[in-house]
């Protein structure tokens, strides 16, 4: 049946169409001036000196690990409560992911105590993830990384436009996938503390060539050298053009999402006893997701089907990475009790900037009905 309330809708309109038309009319569609402008605008918004645009957040994570010299023989502490790309990127560089549990169901960020317990002589880095757009304690994780001699990387796929993101870590990576707070369809962006690291990333994203295609097209260079094994992780002009339009509204959209998330908290707390809302209302967030934990005796499948019958799309964020068959075969016997408890009860409700507060009330009422009806 028709979904009245989708989980997350991109907002794309006439300005994006016009931006795409301008790229097509220019005759230059691969990486060029718009990509550069998008990088500069994104960096400015995050109070950074510069940024590197890439084809996806996954590509960005891979490049960060590569540029920070993380490879075979070392371990990287990672969350299991994340999209699988966070962990896959560690394998891309030949390193070993070590899964860290979350603090609790109410605070589903990485546990400091479990991270500390899993540090070994081989541990070189840790990836923290701003789950749902709720910011981890970056100051404390910076201190943790320094005291343990670790590189700190942020998976900031859920947290674009948030103050402080990308400032305390060695590198931070963002996503512009179609369901994110702003989108370029596919795409990502990287920030890094050290200019030398960012320039290494910039070179690696384009086959490690010393000059770009646009430079050669314009006659500014006639050939190039290849200085290391690089990749084709470039962003094109079409995506950058959309990104420039979307970026102009990102802070406005984040504020709208926060308003909707606050409304959810108010309504759900009154209507559904036994429902747990992770984090708290004062937490800093880009409000990317609206996660709730169903009462322990509730069938999640029944609730999801009941909401779907009412025209409401829901999802699960996320199945724990360590439970996927690929990772079970690689690293058997891993148990992360808090993560597993959280993921067994978690349900993600619709949240996007096209919604209104009355939509939240309708969804909350439907959720209550599916939970409370026998």
Foldseek 3Di string as FASTA:
>chain_A
DAFPFEQFFADDDDQLVVLLVVCVVVVFWFDDDLQQVLQCLLCVLQVHPTKAKWQALLLVLLLLCVLVPQAAQAEEEEELLAPLSNVVSNVVRHHHYDYFFAPFLQGRWGDLVRVVVPDDPRYAAYETECPQFFDDPLVVVLVSCVVSNHAYEYACQAHRSFHPPLPRGQKYKYWQDRRHQHHLNGIMMMHGPDPSSRVSSNCQCCQNWPDDPVCCVVVVDPGTDRDDGHHNTGDISSSSSSSVVRVVCSVVFLVLLLVLLVLLVVQLVVQAPQKHFHDDNPTDGSSSWRKIFHHPVFDPVQLQVLVVVVSWHKDFSDPRNCPPPVNCVVPNDDDRPRVVNNRVGMMTGRTGSVDDSVVSNVSSVSSSCSGPPD
